[in-house]
C-alpha atoms as a PDB file:
ATOM      1  CA  UNK A   1      25.433 248.229 102.312  1.00  0.00           C
ATOM      2  CA  UNK A   2      28.033 249.845  99.751  1.00  0.00           C
ATOM      3  CA  UNK A   3      28.521 253.188  99.253  1.00  0.00           C
ATOM      4  CA  UNK A   4      30.882 254.956  96.521  1.00  0.00           C
ATOM      5  CA  UNK A   5      32.365 258.061  98.297  1.00  0.00           C
ATOM      6  CA  UNK A   6      33.200 261.151  96.349  1.00  0.00           C
ATOM      7  CA  UNK A   7      35.258 264.368  97.977  1.00  0.00           C
ATOM      8  CA  UNK A   8      33.344 266.802  96.368  1.00  0.00           C
ATOM      9  CA  UNK A   9      34.051 270.769  95.731  1.00  0.00           C
ATOM     10  CA  UNK A  10      30.404 270.895  94.469  1.00  0.00           C
ATOM     11  CA  UNK A  11      27.533 268.300  93.514  1.00  0.00           C
ATOM     12  CA  UNK A  12      23.960 268.613  92.779  1.00  0.00           C
ATOM     13  CA  UNK A  13      21.403 265.849  91.986  1.00  0.00           C
ATOM     14  CA  UNK A  14      18.503 266.828  89.523  1.00  0.00           C
ATOM     15  CA  UNK A  15      14.913 264.950  88.826  1.00  0.00           C
ATOM     16  CA  UNK A  16      13.948 266.899  85.411  1.00  0.00           C
ATOM     17  CA  UNK A  17      14.419 270.341  85.567  1.00  0.00           C
ATOM     18  CA  UNK A  18      14.221 270.241  89.602  1.00  0.00           C
ATOM     19  CA  UNK A  19      17.493 270.854  91.718  1.00  0.00           C
ATOM     20  CA  UNK A  20      16.228 268.214  94.430  1.00  0.00           C
ATOM     21  CA  UNK A  21      19.724 268.093  96.531  1.00  0.00           C
ATOM     22  CA  UNK A  22      22.553 270.381  96.087  1.00  0.00           C
ATOM     23  CA  UNK A  23      25.940 271.191  98.317  1.00  0.00           C
ATOM     24  CA  UNK A  24      29.053 273.080  97.945  1.00  0.00           C
ATOM     25  CA  UNK A  25      32.445 271.395  99.988  1.00  0.00           C
ATOM     26  CA  UNK A  26      31.731 267.845 101.351  1.00  0.00           C
ATOM     27  CA  UNK A  27      31.018 264.286 100.187  1.00  0.00           C
ATOM     28  CA  UNK A  28      28.737 262.701  97.356  1.00  0.00           C
ATOM     29  CA  UNK A  29      27.661 259.499  98.736  1.00  0.00           C
ATOM     30  CA  UNK A  30      26.332 257.004  96.313  1.00  0.00           C
ATOM     31  CA  UNK A  31      24.416 254.720  98.642  1.00  0.00           C
ATOM     32  CA  UNK A  32      23.361 250.668  97.636  1.00  0.00           C
ATOM     33  CA  UNK A  33      21.331 248.559  99.663  1.00  0.00           C
ATOM     34  CA  UNK A  34      21.597 244.909  99.707  1.00  0.00           C
ATOM     35  CA  UNK A  35      18.914 242.252 100.660  1.00  0.00           C
ATOM     36  CA  UNK A  36      20.301 241.451 104.223  1.00  0.00           C
ATOM     37  CA  UNK A  37      21.239 245.165 105.397  1.00  0.00           C
ATOM     38  CA  UNK A  38      19.728 246.539 108.837  1.00  0.00           C
ATOM     39  CA  UNK A  39      20.677 248.836 111.750  1.00  0.00           C
ATOM     40  CA  UNK A  40      24.063 247.669 112.352  1.00  0.00           C
ATOM     41  CA  UNK A  41      25.062 248.580 108.544  1.00  0.00           C
ATOM     42  CA  UNK A  42      23.530 251.847 108.742  1.00  0.00           C
ATOM     43  CA  UNK A  43      25.180 252.679 111.830  1.00  0.00           C
ATOM     44  CA  UNK A  44      28.771 251.382 111.050  1.00  0.00           C
ATOM     45  CA  UNK A  45      28.382 253.548 107.284  1.00  0.00           C
ATOM     46  CA  UNK A  46      27.172 256.494 108.912  1.00  0.00           C
ATOM     47  CA  UNK A  47      29.888 256.740 111.159  1.00  0.00           C
ATOM     48  CA  UNK A  48      32.378 255.729 108.866  1.00  0.00           C
ATOM     49  CA  UNK A  49      31.267 258.188 106.557  1.00  0.00           C
ATOM     50  CA  UNK A  50      30.775 261.616 108.510  1.00  0.00           C
ATOM     51  CA  UNK A  51      34.136 260.772 110.531  1.00  0.00           C
ATOM     52  CA  UNK A  52      36.831 259.827 107.273  1.00  0.00           C
ATOM     53  CA  UNK A  53      39.335 262.216 107.514  1.00  0.00           C
ATOM     54  CA  UNK A  54      39.549 263.032 103.553  1.00  0.00           C
ATOM     55  CA  UNK A  55      40.068 266.357 103.470  1.00  0.00           C
ATOM     56  CA  UNK A  56      43.615 268.544 103.632  1.00  0.00           C
ATOM     57  CA  UNK A  57      44.774 270.536 106.636  1.00  0.00           C
ATOM     58  CA  UNK A  58      47.402 273.155 106.028  1.00  0.00           C
ATOM     59  CA  UNK A  59      50.039 270.631 105.555  1.00  0.00           C
ATOM     60  CA  UNK A  60      48.316 269.184 102.267  1.00  0.00           C
ATOM     61  CA  UNK A  61      47.639 265.583 104.586  1.00  0.00           C
ATOM     62  CA  UNK A  62      44.049 264.029 104.430  1.00  0.00           C
ATOM     63  CA  UNK A  63      43.815 264.484 108.350  1.00  0.00           C
ATOM     64  CA  UNK A  64      40.019 266.656 108.606  1.00  0.00           C
ATOM     65  CA  UNK A  65      36.559 265.092 108.911  1.00  0.00           C
ATOM     66  CA  UNK A  66      33.595 266.406 106.909  1.00  0.00           C
ATOM     67  CA  UNK A  67      32.965 268.662 110.152  1.00  0.00           C
ATOM     68  CA  UNK A  68      36.503 270.167 110.403  1.00  0.00           C
ATOM     69  CA  UNK A  69      35.794 271.636 107.098  1.00  0.00           C
ATOM     70  CA  UNK A  70      32.001 272.592 107.444  1.00  0.00           C
ATOM     71  CA  UNK A  71      31.275 270.260 104.583  1.00  0.00           C
ATOM     72  CA  UNK A  72      27.770 268.489 103.774  1.00  0.00           C
ATOM     73  CA  UNK A  73      26.402 265.419 102.462  1.00  0.00           C
ATOM     74  CA  UNK A  74      24.814 264.827  98.910  1.00  0.00           C
ATOM     75  CA  UNK A  75      23.212 261.219  99.424  1.00  0.00           C
ATOM     76  CA  UNK A  76      21.567 259.524  96.466  1.00  0.00           C
ATOM     77  CA  UNK A  77      19.967 256.026  96.412  1.00  0.00           C
ATOM     78  CA  UNK A  78      21.817 253.936  93.678  1.00  0.00           C
ATOM     79  CA  UNK A  79      20.533 250.170  93.936  1.00  0.00           C
ATOM     80  CA  UNK A  80      22.934 249.529  90.695  1.00  0.00           C
ATOM     81  CA  UNK A  81      25.843 249.426  93.427  1.00  0.00           C
ATOM     82  CA  UNK A  82      24.457 245.713  94.090  1.00  0.00           C
ATOM     83  CA  UNK A  83      24.565 244.717  90.415  1.00  0.00           C
ATOM     84  CA  UNK A  84      26.148 241.444  89.687  1.00  0.00           C
ATOM     85  CA  UNK A  85      28.027 241.518  86.620  1.00  0.00           C
ATOM     86  CA  UNK A  86      29.264 237.888  86.684  1.00  0.00           C
ATOM     87  CA  UNK A  87      27.231 235.707  84.268  1.00  0.00           C
ATOM     88  CA  UNK A  88      26.216 237.021  80.937  1.00  0.00           C
ATOM     89  CA  UNK A  89      25.984 240.842  79.615  1.00  0.00           C
ATOM     90  CA  UNK A  90      23.093 241.944  81.948  1.00  0.00           C
ATOM     91  CA  UNK A  91      23.512 242.965  85.386  1.00  0.00           C
ATOM     92  CA  UNK A  92      21.660 240.839  88.013  1.00  0.00           C
ATOM     93  CA  UNK A  93      20.204 243.070  91.212  1.00  0.00           C
ATOM     94  CA  UNK A  94      19.081 239.943  93.106  1.00  0.00           C
ATOM     95  CA  UNK A  95      20.915 240.842  95.702  1.00  0.00           C
ATOM     96  CA  UNK A  96      19.682 244.532  96.237  1.00  0.00           C
ATOM     97  CA  UNK A  97      17.071 245.128  98.895  1.00  0.00           C
ATOM     98  CA  UNK A  98      13.473 245.530  97.391  1.00  0.00           C
ATOM     99  CA  UNK A  99      12.104 249.197  97.118  1.00  0.00           C
ATOM    100  CA  UNK A 100      10.080 249.331 100.157  1.00  0.00           C
ATOM    101  CA  UNK A 101      12.759 248.019 102.274  1.00  0.00           C
ATOM    102  CA  UNK A 102      15.569 250.203 100.805  1.00  0.00           C
ATOM    103  CA  UNK A 103      14.024 253.529 100.854  1.00  0.00           C
ATOM    104  CA  UNK A 104      13.462 253.151 104.647  1.00  0.00           C
ATOM    105  CA  UNK A 105      17.090 251.755 105.161  1.00  0.00           C
ATOM    106  CA  UNK A 106      18.138 254.912 103.142  1.00  0.00           C
ATOM    107  CA  UNK A 107      16.011 257.442 105.390  1.00  0.00           C
ATOM    108  CA  UNK A 108      17.581 255.901 108.336  1.00  0.00           C
ATOM    109  CA  UNK A 109      20.830 256.149 107.014  1.00  0.00           C
ATOM    110  CA  UNK A 110      20.358 260.294 106.514  1.00  0.00           C
ATOM    111  CA  UNK A 111      18.866 260.557 109.868  1.00  0.00           C
ATOM    112  CA  UNK A 112      21.704 258.502 111.389  1.00  0.00           C
ATOM    113  CA  UNK A 113      24.209 261.205 109.825  1.00  0.00           C
ATOM    114  CA  UNK A 114      22.658 264.325 110.511  1.00  0.00           C
ATOM    115  CA  UNK A 115      22.242 262.843 114.468  1.00  0.00           C
ATOM    116  CA  UNK A 116      26.063 262.422 113.903  1.00  0.00           C
ATOM    117  CA  UNK A 117      25.887 266.368 112.985  1.00  0.00           C
ATOM    118  CA  UNK A 118      26.019 265.959 109.246  1.00  0.00           C
ATOM    119  CA  UNK A 119      24.418 268.437 107.013  1.00  0.00           C
ATOM    120  CA  UNK A 120      22.575 266.472 104.651  1.00  0.00           C
ATOM    121  CA  UNK A 121      20.766 266.508 101.092  1.00  0.00           C
ATOM    122  CA  UNK A 122      19.310 263.843  99.344  1.00  0.00           C
ATOM    123  CA  UNK A 123      17.966 262.937  96.062  1.00  0.00           C
ATOM    124  CA  UNK A 124      14.883 261.007  95.216  1.00  0.00           C
ATOM    125  CA  UNK A 125      14.448 257.555  95.631  1.00  0.00           C
ATOM    126  CA  UNK A 126      13.549 255.646  92.581  1.00  0.00           C
ATOM    127  CA  UNK A 127      13.711 258.540  90.607  1.00  0.00           C
ATOM    128  CA  UNK A 128      15.622 258.875  87.428  1.00  0.00           C
ATOM    129  CA  UNK A 129      18.026 261.646  88.856  1.00  0.00           C
ATOM    130  CA  UNK A 130      21.258 263.622  86.709  1.00  0.00           C
ATOM    131  CA  UNK A 131      23.692 263.992  89.001  1.00  0.00           C
ATOM    132  CA  UNK A 132      26.663 266.427  88.502  1.00  0.00           C
ATOM    133  CA  UNK A 133      30.171 266.915  90.514  1.00  0.00           C
ATOM    134  CA  UNK A 134      33.204 268.322  90.928  1.00  0.00           C
ATOM    135  CA  UNK A 135      35.248 265.780  92.053  1.00  0.00           C
ATOM    136  CA  UNK A 136      38.077 267.114  94.433  1.00  0.00           C
ATOM    137  CA  UNK A 137      41.324 265.507  94.268  1.00  0.00           C
ATOM    138  CA  UNK A 138      40.064 262.967  92.881  1.00  0.00           C
ATOM    139  CA  UNK A 139      39.198 261.338  96.021  1.00  0.00           C
ATOM    140  CA  UNK A 140      36.832 258.235  95.496  1.00  0.00           C
ATOM    141  CA  UNK A 141      36.417 255.239  98.173  1.00  0.00           C
ATOM    142  CA  UNK A 142      34.516 252.249  98.105  1.00  0.00           C
ATOM    143  CA  UNK A 143      33.096 251.205 101.462  1.00  0.00           C
ATOM    144  CA  UNK A 144      31.147 248.178 102.290  1.00  0.00           C
ATOM    145  CA  UNK A 145      29.326 247.585 105.958  1.00  0.00           C
ATOM    146  CA  UNK A 146      29.713 243.913 105.571  1.00  0.00           C
ATOM    147  CA  UNK A 147      33.226 243.828 105.053  1.00  0.00           C
ATOM    148  CA  UNK A 148      33.661 245.039 108.843  1.00  0.00           C
ATOM    149  CA  UNK A 149      31.988 242.161 110.616  1.00  0.00           C
END
């Protein structure tokens, strides 16, 4: 699994004119599921993201996690994180998981984050979404579950 994690002061995702997910302070997680991902990947990324100490303490040091600042997660599925642009000019998505399996893994990720105490909002799987955010810092991190094995 791959995730682009952005510390935000606010973020929301819309499908058409409908706001389907919205948070104030917290983390926007753009989540991509690869064709070999499973429970270990879900558990690793959920624990890593919920526990990330990327919020500033009273000394302006990144020492606080999501729970410490009463923040929330906005999780948005994004298969394009598995786009391979090495050949030609059109990305290949052969290593992205097929939609039915990817949707189940995204749901499992949200459930895992919630079980760790995170408040979670989501986008809508396979919908054309508009994501708005106010990146705080800016702080943006790239995480990949396969790099920890």
